[in-house]
Protein backbone atom coordinates (compact mmCIF):
# COMPACT_ATOMS: atom_id res chain seq x y z
CA MET A 1 -0.04 -0.17 0.41
CA SER A 2 1.50 3.23 -1.13
CA LYS A 3 1.47 6.46 1.24
CA GLY A 4 0.13 9.22 -0.29
CA LYS A 5 -1.33 12.48 0.66
CA LYS A 6 -4.53 12.40 1.89
CA TYR A 7 -5.20 16.09 1.85
CA ASP A 8 -3.95 18.34 -0.98
CA PHE A 9 -5.04 21.44 -3.79
CA ARG A 10 -4.43 21.83 -6.55
CA VAL A 11 -4.83 25.07 -8.96
CA THR A 12 -6.51 24.71 -12.57
CA GLN A 13 -7.19 27.65 -15.11
CA ALA A 14 -10.72 28.87 -15.32
CA GLU A 15 -12.33 31.33 -17.33
CA ASN A 16 -11.94 34.60 -14.76
CA GLY A 17 -8.47 33.36 -13.55
CA TRP A 18 -7.27 30.67 -11.77
CA LYS A 19 -8.93 28.51 -9.17
CA THR A 20 -7.85 26.72 -6.53
CA GLU A 21 -9.32 23.64 -4.99
CA ILE A 22 -8.39 21.55 -1.64
CA THR A 23 -8.76 18.02 -2.27
CA ARG A 24 -9.53 15.18 -0.26
CA ARG A 25 -8.33 11.30 -1.29
CA MET A 26 -11.72 9.19 -0.41
CA THR A 27 -10.25 6.25 -2.68
CA SER A 28 -7.91 5.52 -4.91
CA THR A 29 -9.85 6.36 -7.63
CA LYS A 30 -11.74 8.97 -5.94
CA THR A 31 -11.24 12.06 -5.04
CA VAL A 32 -13.32 14.95 -3.11
CA VAL A 33 -13.15 18.47 -3.14
CA SER A 34 -13.41 19.91 0.61
CA LYS A 35 -12.69 23.97 -0.10
CA SER A 36 -12.22 25.74 -3.38
CA HIS A 37 -11.90 29.81 -4.34
CA ASP A 38 -11.81 30.86 -7.48
CA GLY A 39 -10.81 34.17 -10.01
CA PHE A 40 -7.18 34.69 -8.65
CA ALA A 41 -5.13 36.96 -11.15
CA THR A 42 -1.91 34.43 -11.35
CA GLU A 43 -1.19 31.24 -10.99
CA ALA A 44 1.45 32.07 -7.82
CA GLU A 45 -1.15 33.92 -5.99
CA ALA A 46 -3.69 30.33 -6.50
CA GLN A 47 -0.65 28.84 -5.37
CA ALA A 48 0.18 30.73 -2.08
CA TRP A 49 -3.68 30.69 -1.35
CA GLY A 50 -3.62 27.23 -1.72
CA GLN A 51 -0.51 26.60 0.34
CA ALA A 52 -1.91 28.59 3.29
CA GLU A 53 -5.07 27.63 3.26
CA LEU A 54 -4.25 24.00 3.28
CA GLN A 55 -2.17 24.43 6.33
CA VAL A 56 -5.06 26.50 8.11
CA PHE A 57 -7.78 23.00 6.98
CA LEU A 58 -5.12 20.66 8.19
CA GLY A 59 -4.74 22.03 11.79
CA THR A 60 -8.77 22.90 12.39
CA LEU A 61 -9.31 18.93 11.63
CA VAL A 62 -6.26 18.28 14.00
CA GLU A 63 -8.62 20.24 16.58
CA ARG A 64 -11.94 19.06 15.63
CA ASN A 65 -10.13 15.31 16.05
CA LYS A 66 -8.76 16.46 18.99
CA ARG A 67 -11.91 17.35 20.54
CA ARG A 68 -13.74 14.32 19.05
CA SER A 69 -11.51 11.84 20.61
CA GLU A 70 -11.49 13.89 24.07
CA LYS A 71 -15.76 13.53 23.83
CA GLN A 72 -15.62 9.91 22.76
CA ALA A 73 -12.73 9.20 25.98
CA LYS A 74 -14.86 10.77 28.50
CA ALA A 75 -17.97 9.11 27.35
CA LYS A 76 -16.11 5.89 27.18
CA LEU A 77 -15.17 6.29 30.94
CA ALA A 78 -18.23 7.57 31.55
CA ALA A 79 -19.76 4.13 30.48
CA ALA A 80 -16.91 2.47 32.53
CA LEU A 81 -18.12 4.28 35.37
CA ALA A 82 -21.46 3.11 35.07
CA ALA A 83 -21.08 -0.25 34.36
CA GLU A 84 -19.04 -0.66 37.31
CA ALA A 85 -22.00 1.47 39.64
CA ALA A 86 -23.98 -1.40 38.00
CA THR A 87 -22.34 -4.28 39.17
CA ASP A 88 -21.20 -2.49 42.97
CA ALA A 89 -25.06 -2.12 43.66
CA ASP A 90 -25.30 -5.46 42.02
CA ASP A 91 -23.18 -6.63 44.62
CA PHE A 92 -24.63 -4.71 47.27
CA ASP A 93 -27.84 -5.90 46.76
CA ASP A 94 -27.10 -9.68 46.90
CA GLU A 95 -24.92 -9.16 49.89
CA ASP A 96 -28.62 -7.80 51.71
CA GLU A 97 -30.35 -11.18 50.56
CA PHE A 98 -27.61 -13.44 52.25
CA ASP A 99 -28.10 -11.23 55.94
CA GLU A 100 -32.04 -11.86 55.86
CA GLU A 101 -31.81 -15.50 55.83
């Protein structure tokens, strides 16, 4: 399996100037445009915007992934604590049954 970039940008010439697209590689044959901007006067402007915006885009993804993983870890911890509390309550109820006899 080859290691390629999942996110990249491409610059194309449109009718009214240059267009830059931030792309995401879904599969080996399918690419999806995540963000685009057009109307650049020169290819250099489009390249500069693409490089800068790709860094911002990737930074936003990293932050979002951190928030999601923290939220998921908290939910997993809460579920584990709830399961532990439920088993402790069941154990406590079982002990009461033996004391009554």
